[in-house]
Amino acid sequence: MIYEYHFLLALLVTVMIEVTMLFTTARYLFKINRTSIPDSLLLFTGTFCSFSTLPYLWFVLPMFIRTYSYLVAIGEVSVVLVEAVIYFFVLKVRIEKALFMSFICNLASFLIGIYLFSLF
């Protein structure tokens, strides 16, 4: 499968996983009700975050960082920080919650992504 198709598949999987984890952390862990943050805003924010960060991780960052382990380390930390900022401003949650939500969402998508792509 060519790289661009892998990216599209990864984007789809990432959106599904991260939106699910965002709903889970917001509703069940932090007990944020639908009045404070509507479902539509969570759906939009989770999707927006993935669409905003994954292309940079797959297409831009590899042009500057050639070593895979550095790419993963720098890329994932950067993605967590950028998405936390988006959560902070869009969802209007405290920065600690935004960082935690971003970390959980990205950890889940990273680990599940590694597992799924090892099957191919």
PDB file of N, CA and C in Angstrom:
ATOM      1  N   MET A   1       0.856  -1.172   0.000  1.00  0.00           N
ATOM      2  CA  MET A   1       0.000   0.000   0.000  1.00  0.00           C
ATOM      3  C   MET A   1       0.903   1.237   0.000  1.00  0.00           C
ATOM      4  N   ILE A   2       0.572   2.232  -0.796  1.00  0.00           N
ATOM      5  CA  ILE A   2       1.427   3.396  -0.864  1.00  0.00           C
ATOM      6  C   ILE A   2       1.231   4.289   0.360  1.00  0.00           C
ATOM      7  N   TYR A   3       2.222   5.144   0.575  1.00  0.00           N
ATOM      8  CA  TYR A   3       2.291   5.964   1.781  1.00  0.00           C
ATOM      9  C   TYR A   3       1.042   6.825   1.985  1.00  0.00           C
ATOM     10  N   GLU A   4       0.541   7.421   0.921  1.00  0.00           N
ATOM     11  CA  GLU A   4      -0.623   8.296   1.037  1.00  0.00           C
ATOM     12  C   GLU A   4      -1.872   7.536   1.460  1.00  0.00           C
ATOM     13  N   TYR A   5      -2.031   6.304   0.990  1.00  0.00           N
ATOM     14  CA  TYR A   5      -3.165   5.493   1.420  1.00  0.00           C
ATOM     15  C   TYR A   5      -3.020   5.094   2.884  1.00  0.00           C
ATOM     16  N   HIS A   6      -1.800   4.799   3.291  1.00  0.00           N
ATOM     17  CA  HIS A   6      -1.557   4.514   4.713  1.00  0.00           C
ATOM     18  C   HIS A   6      -1.945   5.717   5.555  1.00  0.00           C
ATOM     19  N   PHE A   7      -1.588   6.910   5.067  1.00  0.00           N
ATOM     20  CA  PHE A   7      -1.934   8.128   5.790  1.00  0.00           C
ATOM     21  C   PHE A   7      -3.447   8.274   5.927  1.00  0.00           C
ATOM     22  N   LEU A   8      -4.179   8.099   4.840  1.00  0.00           N
ATOM     23  CA  LEU A   8      -5.637   8.241   4.890  1.00  0.00           C
ATOM     24  C   LEU A   8      -6.264   7.232   5.848  1.00  0.00           C
ATOM     25  N   LEU A   9      -5.760   6.009   5.821  1.00  0.00           N
ATOM     26  CA  LEU A   9      -6.251   4.997   6.752  1.00  0.00           C
ATOM     27  C   LEU A   9      -5.904   5.390   8.187  1.00  0.00           C
ATOM     28  N   ALA A  10      -4.677   5.863   8.388  1.00  0.00           N
ATOM     29  CA  ALA A  10      -4.255   6.299   9.727  1.00  0.00           C
ATOM     30  C   ALA A  10      -5.095   7.479  10.206  1.00  0.00           C
ATOM     31  N   LEU A  11      -5.430   8.391   9.310  1.00  0.00           N
ATOM     32  CA  LEU A  11      -6.258   9.543   9.678  1.00  0.00           C
ATOM     33  C   LEU A  11      -7.645   9.095  10.123  1.00  0.00           C
ATOM     34  N   LEU A  12      -8.233   8.188   9.371  1.00  0.00           N
ATOM     35  CA  LEU A  12      -9.556   7.669   9.728  1.00  0.00           C
ATOM     36  C   LEU A  12      -9.521   6.972  11.087  1.00  0.00           C
ATOM     37  N   VAL A  13      -8.546   6.116  11.284  1.00  0.00           N
ATOM     38  CA  VAL A  13      -8.424   5.389  12.552  1.00  0.00           C
ATOM     39  C   VAL A  13      -8.143   6.359  13.695  1.00  0.00           C
ATOM     40  N   THR A  14      -7.265   7.319  13.451  1.00  0.00           N
ATOM     41  CA  THR A  14      -6.929   8.309  14.481  1.00  0.00           C
ATOM     42  C   THR A  14      -8.143   9.111  14.907  1.00  0.00           C
ATOM     43  N   VAL A  15      -8.920   9.572  13.945  1.00  0.00           N
ATOM     44  CA  VAL A  15     -10.123  10.352  14.275  1.00  0.00           C
ATOM     45  C   VAL A  15     -11.078   9.503  15.115  1.00  0.00           C
ATOM     46  N   MET A  16     -11.309   8.273  14.698  1.00  0.00           N
ATOM     47  CA  MET A  16     -12.231   7.403  15.445  1.00  0.00           C
ATOM     48  C   MET A  16     -11.751   7.169  16.873  1.00  0.00           C
ATOM     49  N   ILE A  17     -10.475   6.866  17.034  1.00  0.00           N
ATOM     50  CA  ILE A  17      -9.932   6.570  18.363  1.00  0.00           C
ATOM     51  C   ILE A  17      -9.901   7.819  19.235  1.00  0.00           C
ATOM     52  N   GLU A  18      -9.377   8.912  18.693  1.00  0.00           N
ATOM     53  CA  GLU A  18      -9.213  10.117  19.508  1.00  0.00           C
ATOM     54  C   GLU A  18     -10.547  10.747  19.885  1.00  0.00           C
ATOM     55  N   VAL A  19     -11.519  10.719  19.000  1.00  0.00           N
ATOM     56  CA  VAL A  19     -12.838  11.253  19.344  1.00  0.00           C
ATOM     57  C   VAL A  19     -13.474  10.387  20.429  1.00  0.00           C
ATOM     58  N   THR A  20     -13.347   9.090  20.301  1.00  0.00           N
ATOM     59  CA  THR A  20     -13.876   8.180  21.321  1.00  0.00           C
ATOM     60  C   THR A  20     -13.221   8.441  22.678  1.00  0.00           C
ATOM     61  N   MET A  21     -11.908   8.582  22.675  1.00  0.00           N
ATOM     62  CA  MET A  21     -11.196   8.825  23.930  1.00  0.00           C
ATOM     63  C   MET A  21     -11.513  10.215  24.493  1.00  0.00           C
ATOM     64  N   LEU A  22     -11.713  11.184  23.625  1.00  0.00           N
ATOM     65  CA  LEU A  22     -12.065  12.523  24.081  1.00  0.00           C
ATOM     66  C   LEU A  22     -13.426  12.513  24.776  1.00  0.00           C
ATOM     67  N   PHE A  23     -14.393  11.828  24.167  1.00  0.00           N
ATOM     68  CA  PHE A  23     -15.708  11.688  24.801  1.00  0.00           C
ATOM     69  C   PHE A  23     -15.579  10.962  26.137  1.00  0.00           C
ATOM     70  N   THR A  24     -14.794   9.900  26.159  1.00  0.00           N
ATOM     71  CA  THR A  24     -14.641   9.101  27.379  1.00  0.00           C
ATOM     72  C   THR A  24     -14.016   9.918  28.501  1.00  0.00           C
ATOM     73  N   THR A  25     -12.939  10.625  28.200  1.00  0.00           N
ATOM     74  CA  THR A  25     -12.294  11.400  29.263  1.00  0.00           C
ATOM     75  C   THR A  25     -13.159  12.578  29.710  1.00  0.00           C
ATOM     76  N   ALA A  26     -13.796  13.236  28.767  1.00  0.00           N
ATOM     77  CA  ALA A  26     -14.621  14.400  29.125  1.00  0.00           C
ATOM     78  C   ALA A  26     -15.852  13.992  29.922  1.00  0.00           C
ATOM     79  N   ARG A  27     -16.566  12.993  29.445  1.00  0.00           N
ATOM     80  CA  ARG A  27     -17.847  12.632  30.067  1.00  0.00           C
ATOM     81  C   ARG A  27     -17.687  11.760  31.317  1.00  0.00           C
ATOM     82  N   TYR A  28     -16.795  10.784  31.273  1.00  0.00           N
ATOM     83  CA  TYR A  28     -16.740   9.814  32.362  1.00  0.00           C
ATOM     84  C   TYR A  28     -15.633  10.078  33.368  1.00  0.00           C
ATOM     85  N   LEU A  29     -14.491  10.562  32.902  1.00  0.00           N
ATOM     86  CA  LEU A  29     -13.397  10.807  33.833  1.00  0.00           C
ATOM     87  C   LEU A  29     -13.535  12.176  34.500  1.00  0.00           C
ATOM     88  N   PHE A  30     -13.752  13.212  33.679  1.00  0.00           N
ATOM     89  CA  PHE A  30     -13.864  14.569  34.228  1.00  0.00           C
ATOM     90  C   PHE A  30     -15.307  14.982  34.522  1.00  0.00           C
ATOM     91  N   LYS A  31     -16.258  14.144  34.164  1.00  0.00           N
ATOM     92  CA  LYS A  31     -17.682  14.397  34.454  1.00  0.00           C
ATOM     93  C   LYS A  31     -18.168  15.738  33.897  1.00  0.00           C
ATOM     94  N   ILE A  32     -17.715  16.085  32.694  1.00  0.00           N
ATOM     95  CA  ILE A  32     -18.156  17.319  32.050  1.00  0.00           C
ATOM     96  C   ILE A  32     -19.480  17.027  31.357  1.00  0.00           C
ATOM     97  N   ASN A  33     -20.532  17.738  31.740  1.00  0.00           N
ATOM     98  CA  ASN A  33     -21.852  17.433  31.191  1.00  0.00           C
ATOM     99  C   ASN A  33     -22.058  18.083  29.819  1.00  0.00           C
ATOM    100  N   ARG A  34     -23.139  17.687  29.174  1.00  0.00           N
ATOM    101  CA  ARG A  34     -23.447  18.161  27.821  1.00  0.00           C
ATOM    102  C   ARG A  34     -23.832  19.639  27.794  1.00  0.00           C
ATOM    103  N   THR A  35     -24.227  20.175  28.912  1.00  0.00           N
ATOM    104  CA  THR A  35     -24.553  21.590  28.978  1.00  0.00           C
ATOM    105  C   THR A  35     -23.282  22.437  28.867  1.00  0.00           C
ATOM    106  N   SER A  36     -22.224  21.998  29.545  1.00  0.00           N
ATOM    107  CA  SER A  36     -20.954  22.726  29.514  1.00  0.00           C
ATOM    108  C   SER A  36     -20.266  22.604  28.155  1.00  0.00           C
ATOM    109  N   ILE A  37     -20.159  21.360  27.675  1.00  0.00           N
ATOM    110  CA  ILE A  37     -19.532  21.090  26.380  1.00  0.00           C
ATOM    111  C   ILE A  37     -20.446  20.144  25.613  1.00  0.00           C
ATOM    112  N   PRO A  38     -21.131  20.642  24.596  1.00  0.00           N
ATOM    113  CA  PRO A  38     -22.034  19.777  23.817  1.00  0.00           C
ATOM    114  C   PRO A  38     -21.277  18.691  23.053  1.00  0.00           C
ATOM    115  N   ASP A  39     -21.987  17.611  22.758  1.00  0.00           N
ATOM    116  CA  ASP A  39     -21.389  16.515  21.994  1.00  0.00           C
ATOM    117  C   ASP A  39     -20.836  16.991  20.656  1.00  0.00           C
ATOM    118  N   SER A  40     -21.556  17.891  20.011  1.00  0.00           N
ATOM    119  CA  SER A  40     -21.116  18.385  18.702  1.00  0.00           C
ATOM    120  C   SER A  40     -19.772  19.104  18.797  1.00  0.00           C
ATOM    121  N   LEU A  41     -19.542  19.813  19.901  1.00  0.00           N
ATOM    122  CA  LEU A  41     -18.263  20.503  20.073  1.00  0.00           C
ATOM    123  C   LEU A  41     -17.132  19.510  20.331  1.00  0.00           C
ATOM    124  N   LEU A  42     -17.403  18.467  21.101  1.00  0.00           N
ATOM    125  CA  LEU A  42     -16.394  17.425  21.309  1.00  0.00           C
ATOM    126  C   LEU A  42     -16.059  16.730  19.987  1.00  0.00           C
ATOM    127  N   LEU A  43     -17.074  16.411  19.219  1.00  0.00           N
ATOM    128  CA  LEU A  43     -16.863  15.758  17.924  1.00  0.00           C
ATOM    129  C   LEU A  43     -16.047  16.652  16.998  1.00  0.00           C
ATOM    130  N   PHE A  44     -16.423  17.918  16.915  1.00  0.00           N
ATOM    131  CA  PHE A  44     -15.691  18.855  16.069  1.00  0.00           C
ATOM    132  C   PHE A  44     -14.240  18.993  16.529  1.00  0.00           C
ATOM    133  N   THR A  45     -14.043  19.188  17.825  1.00  0.00           N
ATOM    134  CA  THR A  45     -12.701  19.436  18.352  1.00  0.00           C
ATOM    135  C   THR A  45     -11.793  18.233  18.156  1.00  0.00           C
ATOM    136  N   GLY A  46     -12.298  17.038  18.435  1.00  0.00           N
ATOM    137  CA  GLY A  46     -11.492  15.836  18.241  1.00  0.00           C
ATOM    138  C   GLY A  46     -11.101  15.636  16.785  1.00  0.00           C
ATOM    139  N   THR A  47     -12.051  15.860  15.895  1.00  0.00           N
ATOM    140  CA  THR A  47     -11.779  15.723  14.462  1.00  0.00           C
ATOM    141  C   THR A  47     -10.818  16.811  13.993  1.00  0.00           C
ATOM    142  N   PHE A  48     -11.064  18.037  14.418  1.00  0.00           N
ATOM    143  CA  PHE A  48     -10.207  19.160  14.042  1.00  0.00           C
ATOM    144  C   PHE A  48      -8.765  18.934  14.491  1.00  0.00           C
ATOM    145  N   CYS A  49      -8.580  18.437  15.699  1.00  0.00           N
ATOM    146  CA  CYS A  49      -7.231  18.181  16.209  1.00  0.00           C
ATOM    147  C   CYS A  49      -6.487  17.175  15.338  1.00  0.00           C
ATOM    148  N   SER A  50      -7.144  16.087  15.001  1.00  0.00           N
ATOM    149  CA  SER A  50      -6.491  15.064  14.176  1.00  0.00           C
ATOM    150  C   SER A  50      -6.160  15.601  12.789  1.00  0.00           C
ATOM    151  N   PHE A  51      -7.103  16.314  12.188  1.00  0.00           N
ATOM    152  CA  PHE A  51      -6.867  16.886  10.863  1.00  0.00           C
ATOM    153  C   PHE A  51      -5.804  17.984  10.905  1.00  0.00           C
ATOM    154  N   SER A  52      -5.626  18.605  12.054  1.00  0.00           N
ATOM    155  CA  SER A  52      -4.646  19.684  12.169  1.00  0.00           C
ATOM    156  C   SER A  52      -3.232  19.185  12.430  1.00  0.00           C
ATOM    157  N   THR A  53      -3.085  18.039  13.060  1.00  0.00           N
ATOM    158  CA  THR A  53      -1.750  17.607  13.470  1.00  0.00           C
ATOM    159  C   THR A  53      -1.190  16.429  12.683  1.00  0.00           C
ATOM    160  N   LEU A  54      -2.025  15.495  12.285  1.00  0.00           N
ATOM    161  CA  LEU A  54      -1.515  14.281  11.631  1.00  0.00           C
ATOM    162  C   LEU A  54      -0.794  14.554  10.310  1.00  0.00           C
ATOM    163  N   PRO A  55      -1.279  15.450   9.454  1.00  0.00           N
ATOM    164  CA  PRO A  55      -0.521  15.719   8.219  1.00  0.00           C
ATOM    165  C   PRO A  55       0.896  16.242   8.488  1.00  0.00           C
ATOM    166  N   TYR A  56       1.060  17.064   9.494  1.00  0.00           N
ATOM    167  CA  TYR A  56       2.394  17.554   9.836  1.00  0.00           C
ATOM    168  C   TYR A  56       3.282  16.416  10.320  1.00  0.00           C
ATOM    169  N   LEU A  57       2.697  15.530  11.110  1.00  0.00           N
ATOM    170  CA  LEU A  57       3.454  14.402  11.643  1.00  0.00           C
ATOM    171  C   LEU A  57       3.889  13.445  10.536  1.00  0.00           C
ATOM    172  N   TRP A  58       3.067  13.277   9.528  1.00  0.00           N
ATOM    173  CA  TRP A  58       3.363  12.321   8.456  1.00  0.00           C
ATOM    174  C   TRP A  58       4.145  12.914   7.291  1.00  0.00           C
ATOM    175  N   PHE A  59       3.915  14.191   6.978  1.00  0.00           N
ATOM    176  CA  PHE A  59       4.490  14.749   5.759  1.00  0.00           C
ATOM    177  C   PHE A  59       5.512  15.862   5.974  1.00  0.00           C
ATOM    178  N   VAL A  60       5.367  16.675   6.996  1.00  0.00           N
ATOM    179  CA  VAL A  60       6.270  17.808   7.190  1.00  0.00           C
ATOM    180  C   VAL A  60       7.452  17.423   8.071  1.00  0.00           C
ATOM    181  N   LEU A  61       7.181  16.895   9.248  1.00  0.00           N
ATOM    182  CA  LEU A  61       8.244  16.575  10.196  1.00  0.00           C
ATOM    183  C   LEU A  61       9.281  15.589   9.640  1.00  0.00           C
ATOM    184  N   PRO A  62       8.895  14.567   8.880  1.00  0.00           N
ATOM    185  CA  PRO A  62       9.907  13.649   8.329  1.00  0.00           C
ATOM    186  C   PRO A  62      10.920  14.319   7.389  1.00  0.00           C
ATOM    187  N   MET A  63      10.587  15.474   6.869  1.00  0.00           N
ATOM    188  CA  MET A  63      11.540  16.185   6.022  1.00  0.00           C
ATOM    189  C   MET A  63      12.690  16.768   6.846  1.00  0.00           C
ATOM    190  N   PHE A  64      12.459  16.968   8.129  1.00  0.00           N
ATOM    191  CA  PHE A  64      13.466  17.578   8.990  1.00  0.00           C
ATOM    192  C   PHE A  64      14.102  16.601   9.965  1.00  0.00           C
ATOM    193  N   ILE A  65      13.388  15.551  10.301  1.00  0.00           N
ATOM    194  CA  ILE A  65      13.895  14.559  11.255  1.00  0.00           C
ATOM    195  C   ILE A  65      13.916  13.197  10.561  1.00  0.00           C
ATOM    196  N   ARG A  66      15.094  12.677  10.328  1.00  0.00           N
ATOM    197  CA  ARG A  66      15.241  11.430   9.556  1.00  0.00           C
ATOM    198  C   ARG A  66      15.199  10.172  10.422  1.00  0.00           C
ATOM    199  N   THR A  67      15.640  10.266  11.655  1.00  0.00           N
ATOM    200  CA  THR A  67      15.676   9.091  12.526  1.00  0.00           C
ATOM    201  C   THR A  67      14.276   8.819  13.068  1.00  0.00           C
ATOM    202  N   TYR A  68      13.797   7.592  12.860  1.00  0.00           N
ATOM    203  CA  TYR A  68      12.419   7.258  13.217  1.00  0.00           C
ATOM    204  C   TYR A  68      12.136   7.462  14.707  1.00  0.00           C
ATOM    205  N   SER A  69      13.049   7.040  15.568  1.00  0.00           N
ATOM    206  CA  SER A  69      12.799   7.177  17.013  1.00  0.00           C
ATOM    207  C   SER A  69      12.715   8.647  17.424  1.00  0.00           C
ATOM    208  N   TYR A  70      13.552   9.501  16.837  1.00  0.00           N
ATOM    209  CA  TYR A  70      13.459  10.936  17.115  1.00  0.00           C
ATOM    210  C   TYR A  70      12.157  11.509  16.566  1.00  0.00           C
ATOM    211  N   LEU A  71      11.790  11.064  15.386  1.00  0.00           N
ATOM    212  CA  LEU A  71      10.556  11.533  14.753  1.00  0.00           C
ATOM    213  C   LEU A  71       9.348  11.217  15.636  1.00  0.00           C
ATOM    214  N   VAL A  72       9.307   9.998  16.137  1.00  0.00           N
ATOM    215  CA  VAL A  72       8.189   9.592  16.997  1.00  0.00           C
ATOM    216  C   VAL A  72       8.195  10.398  18.288  1.00  0.00           C
ATOM    217  N   ALA A  73       9.350  10.514  18.922  1.00  0.00           N
ATOM    218  CA  ALA A  73       9.432  11.224  20.204  1.00  0.00           C
ATOM    219  C   ALA A  73       9.077  12.701  20.054  1.00  0.00           C
ATOM    220  N   ILE A  74       9.735  13.369  19.143  1.00  0.00           N
ATOM    221  CA  ILE A  74       9.494  14.800  18.953  1.00  0.00           C
ATOM    222  C   ILE A  74       8.092  15.038  18.399  1.00  0.00           C
ATOM    223  N   GLY A  75       7.698  14.209  17.445  1.00  0.00           N
ATOM    224  CA  GLY A  75       6.391  14.371  16.820  1.00  0.00           C
ATOM    225  C   GLY A  75       5.244  14.165  17.781  1.00  0.00           C
ATOM    226  N   GLU A  76       5.282  13.107  18.550  1.00  0.00           N
ATOM    227  CA  GLU A  76       4.174  12.821  19.468  1.00  0.00           C
ATOM    228  C   GLU A  76       4.091  13.847  20.591  1.00  0.00           C
ATOM    229  N   VAL A  77       5.230  14.268  21.115  1.00  0.00           N
ATOM    230  CA  VAL A  77       5.206  15.309  22.151  1.00  0.00           C
ATOM    231  C   VAL A  77       4.642  16.603  21.579  1.00  0.00           C
ATOM    232  N   SER A  78       5.054  16.945  20.375  1.00  0.00           N
ATOM    233  CA  SER A  78       4.544  18.159  19.726  1.00  0.00           C
ATOM    234  C   SER A  78       3.041  18.085  19.500  1.00  0.00           C
ATOM    235  N   VAL A  79       2.578  16.931  19.038  1.00  0.00           N
ATOM    236  CA  VAL A  79       1.149  16.746  18.778  1.00  0.00           C
ATOM    237  C   VAL A  79       0.351  16.870  20.072  1.00  0.00           C
ATOM    238  N   VAL A  80       0.828  16.266  21.136  1.00  0.00           N
ATOM    239  CA  VAL A  80       0.135  16.358  22.427  1.00  0.00           C
ATOM    240  C   VAL A  80       0.035  17.814  22.868  1.00  0.00           C
ATOM    241  N   LEU A  81       1.117  18.561  22.725  1.00  0.00           N
ATOM    242  CA  LEU A  81       1.103  19.968  23.146  1.00  0.00           C
ATOM    243  C   LEU A  81       0.177  20.815  22.275  1.00  0.00           C
ATOM    244  N   VAL A  82       0.236  20.632  20.963  1.00  0.00           N
ATOM    245  CA  VAL A  82      -0.619  21.416  20.059  1.00  0.00           C
ATOM    246  C   VAL A  82      -2.085  21.098  20.303  1.00  0.00           C
ATOM    247  N   GLU A  83      -2.409  19.821  20.426  1.00  0.00           N
ATOM    248  CA  GLU A  83      -3.805  19.452  20.651  1.00  0.00           C
ATOM    249  C   GLU A  83      -4.293  19.928  22.020  1.00  0.00           C
ATOM    250  N   ALA A  84      -3.423  19.939  23.016  1.00  0.00           N
ATOM    251  CA  ALA A  84      -3.812  20.450  24.335  1.00  0.00           C
ATOM    252  C   ALA A  84      -4.163  21.932  24.245  1.00  0.00           C
ATOM    253  N   VAL A  85      -3.410  22.671  23.473  1.00  0.00           N
ATOM    254  CA  VAL A  85      -3.708  24.098  23.294  1.00  0.00           C
ATOM    255  C   VAL A  85      -5.070  24.268  22.616  1.00  0.00           C
ATOM    256  N   ILE A  86      -5.344  23.441  21.621  1.00  0.00           N
ATOM    257  CA  ILE A  86      -6.642  23.497  20.943  1.00  0.00           C
ATOM    258  C   ILE A  86      -7.767  23.166  21.922  1.00  0.00           C
ATOM    259  N   TYR A  87      -7.588  22.103  22.708  1.00  0.00           N
ATOM    260  CA  TYR A  87      -8.599  21.748  23.708  1.00  0.00           C
ATOM    261  C   TYR A  87      -8.814  22.888  24.693  1.00  0.00           C
ATOM    262  N   PHE A  88      -7.722  23.495  25.131  1.00  0.00           N
ATOM    263  CA  PHE A  88      -7.790  24.592  26.095  1.00  0.00           C
ATOM    264  C   PHE A  88      -8.633  25.746  25.563  1.00  0.00           C
ATOM    265  N   PHE A  89      -8.382  26.143  24.326  1.00  0.00           N
ATOM    266  CA  PHE A  89      -9.086  27.300  23.780  1.00  0.00           C
ATOM    267  C   PHE A  89     -10.491  26.982  23.274  1.00  0.00           C
ATOM    268  N   VAL A  90     -10.670  25.824  22.656  1.00  0.00           N
ATOM    269  CA  VAL A  90     -11.976  25.501  22.075  1.00  0.00           C
ATOM    270  C   VAL A  90     -12.938  24.967  23.134  1.00  0.00           C
ATOM    271  N   LEU A  91     -12.473  24.025  23.949  1.00  0.00           N
ATOM    272  CA  LEU A  91     -13.348  23.423  24.955  1.00  0.00           C
ATOM    273  C   LEU A  91     -13.402  24.243  26.244  1.00  0.00           C
ATOM    274  N   LYS A  92     -12.468  25.161  26.381  1.00  0.00           N
ATOM    275  CA  LYS A  92     -12.408  26.030  27.561  1.00  0.00           C
ATOM    276  C   LYS A  92     -12.292  25.232  28.867  1.00  0.00           C
ATOM    277  N   VAL A  93     -11.379  24.270  28.852  1.00  0.00           N
ATOM    278  CA  VAL A  93     -11.068  23.503  30.059  1.00  0.00           C
ATOM    279  C   VAL A  93      -9.728  23.995  30.597  1.00  0.00           C
ATOM    280  N   ARG A  94      -9.442  23.665  31.847  1.00  0.00           N
ATOM    281  CA  ARG A  94      -8.151  24.047  32.431  1.00  0.00           C
ATOM    282  C   ARG A  94      -7.024  23.375  31.649  1.00  0.00           C
ATOM    283  N   ILE A  95      -5.860  24.000  31.652  1.00  0.00           N
ATOM    284  CA  ILE A  95      -4.740  23.488  30.865  1.00  0.00           C
ATOM    285  C   ILE A  95      -4.318  22.086  31.324  1.00  0.00           C
ATOM    286  N   GLU A  96      -4.449  21.793  32.614  1.00  0.00           N
ATOM    287  CA  GLU A  96      -4.108  20.465  33.123  1.00  0.00           C
ATOM    288  C   GLU A  96      -5.025  19.408  32.509  1.00  0.00           C
ATOM    289  N   LYS A  97      -6.314  19.712  32.451  1.00  0.00           N
ATOM    290  CA  LYS A  97      -7.272  18.790  31.836  1.00  0.00           C
ATOM    291  C   LYS A  97      -6.996  18.658  30.347  1.00  0.00           C
ATOM    292  N   ALA A  98      -6.707  19.766  29.699  1.00  0.00           N
ATOM    293  CA  ALA A  98      -6.428  19.736  28.262  1.00  0.00           C
ATOM    294  C   ALA A  98      -5.201  18.881  27.963  1.00  0.00           C
ATOM    295  N   LEU A  99      -4.158  19.023  28.755  1.00  0.00           N
ATOM    296  CA  LEU A  99      -2.947  18.205  28.564  1.00  0.00           C
ATOM    297  C   LEU A  99      -3.239  16.731  28.802  1.00  0.00           C
ATOM    298  N   PHE A 100      -3.985  16.438  29.851  1.00  0.00           N
ATOM    299  CA  PHE A 100      -4.308  15.048  30.145  1.00  0.00           C
ATOM    300  C   PHE A 100      -5.167  14.437  29.036  1.00  0.00           C
ATOM    301  N   MET A 101      -6.183  15.165  28.599  1.00  0.00           N
ATOM    302  CA  MET A 101      -7.053  14.672  27.524  1.00  0.00           C
ATOM    303  C   MET A 101      -6.240  14.409  26.262  1.00  0.00           C
ATOM    304  N   SER A 102      -5.385  15.340  25.918  1.00  0.00           N
ATOM    305  CA  SER A 102      -4.563  15.197  24.728  1.00  0.00           C
ATOM    306  C   SER A 102      -3.622  14.004  24.858  1.00  0.00           C
ATOM    307  N   PHE A 103      -3.014  13.856  26.013  1.00  0.00           N
ATOM    308  CA  PHE A 103      -2.102  12.728  26.234  1.00  0.00           C
ATOM    309  C   PHE A 103      -2.831  11.395  26.097  1.00  0.00           C
ATOM    310  N   ILE A 104      -3.981  11.260  26.729  1.00  0.00           N
ATOM    311  CA  ILE A 104      -4.749  10.005  26.675  1.00  0.00           C
ATOM    312  C   ILE A 104      -5.200   9.713  25.247  1.00  0.00           C
ATOM    313  N   CYS A 105      -5.729  10.704  24.559  1.00  0.00           N
ATOM    314  CA  CYS A 105      -6.188  10.515  23.176  1.00  0.00           C
ATOM    315  C   CYS A 105      -5.047  10.070  22.275  1.00  0.00           C
ATOM    316  N   ASN A 106      -3.906  10.723  22.391  1.00  0.00           N
ATOM    317  CA  ASN A 106      -2.781  10.404  21.522  1.00  0.00           C
ATOM    318  C   ASN A 106      -2.092   9.104  21.908  1.00  0.00           C
ATOM    319  N   LEU A 107      -2.046   8.796  23.178  1.00  0.00           N
ATOM    320  CA  LEU A 107      -1.476   7.518  23.601  1.00  0.00           C
ATOM    321  C   LEU A 107      -2.307   6.367  23.052  1.00  0.00           C
ATOM    322  N   ALA A 108      -3.612   6.477  23.174  1.00  0.00           N
ATOM    323  CA  ALA A 108      -4.489   5.416  22.666  1.00  0.00           C
ATOM    324  C   ALA A 108      -4.349   5.267  21.156  1.00  0.00           C
ATOM    325  N   SER A 109      -4.374   6.368  20.429  1.00  0.00           N
ATOM    326  CA  SER A 109      -4.279   6.253  18.970  1.00  0.00           C
ATOM    327  C   SER A 109      -2.899   5.759  18.540  1.00  0.00           C
ATOM    328  N   PHE A 110      -1.854   6.152  19.242  1.00  0.00           N
ATOM    329  CA  PHE A 110      -0.509   5.688  18.919  1.00  0.00           C
ATOM    330  C   PHE A 110      -0.385   4.184  19.139  1.00  0.00           C
ATOM    331  N   LEU A 111      -0.807   3.706  20.303  1.00  0.00           N
ATOM    332  CA  LEU A 111      -0.672   2.278  20.621  1.00  0.00           C
ATOM    333  C   LEU A 111      -1.563   1.408  19.727  1.00  0.00           C
ATOM    334  N   ILE A 112      -2.798   1.821  19.530  1.00  0.00           N
ATOM    335  CA  ILE A 112      -3.688   1.054  18.664  1.00  0.00           C
ATOM    336  C   ILE A 112      -3.195   1.107  17.219  1.00  0.00           C
ATOM    337  N   GLY A 113      -2.684   2.261  16.803  1.00  0.00           N
ATOM    338  CA  GLY A 113      -2.130   2.392  15.457  1.00  0.00           C
ATOM    339  C   GLY A 113      -0.950   1.472  15.224  1.00  0.00           C
ATOM    340  N   ILE A 114      -0.045   1.395  16.194  1.00  0.00           N
ATOM    341  CA  ILE A 114       1.100   0.479  16.069  1.00  0.00           C
ATOM    342  C   ILE A 114       0.603  -0.950  15.934  1.00  0.00           C
ATOM    343  N   TYR A 115      -0.351  -1.322  16.754  1.00  0.00           N
ATOM    344  CA  TYR A 115      -0.885  -2.683  16.689  1.00  0.00           C
ATOM    345  C   TYR A 115      -1.544  -2.953  15.331  1.00  0.00           C
ATOM    346  N   LEU A 116      -2.403  -2.062  14.885  1.00  0.00           N
ATOM    347  CA  LEU A 116      -3.119  -2.277  13.618  1.00  0.00           C
ATOM    348  C   LEU A 116      -2.186  -2.327  12.429  1.00  0.00           C
ATOM    349  N   PHE A 117      -1.207  -1.433  12.394  1.00  0.00           N
ATOM    350  CA  PHE A 117      -0.291  -1.416  11.258  1.00  0.00           C
ATOM    351  C   PHE A 117       0.724  -2.556  11.299  1.00  0.00           C
ATOM    352  N   SER A 118       0.891  -3.191  12.446  1.00  0.00           N
ATOM    353  CA  SER A 118       1.751  -4.380  12.506  1.00  0.00           C
ATOM    354  C   SER A 118       1.058  -5.574  11.867  1.00  0.00           C
ATOM    355  N   LEU A 119      -0.253  -5.485  11.716  1.00  0.00           N
ATOM    356  CA  LEU A 119      -1.010  -6.571  11.086  1.00  0.00           C
ATOM    357  C   LEU A 119      -0.867  -6.584   9.568  1.00  0.00           C
ATOM    358  N   PHE A 120      -0.465  -5.437   8.978  1.00  0.00           N
ATOM    359  CA  PHE A 120      -0.336  -5.345   7.521  1.00  0.00           C
ATOM    360  C   PHE A 120       1.006  -5.808   7.043  1.00  0.00           C
TER     361      PHE A 120
END
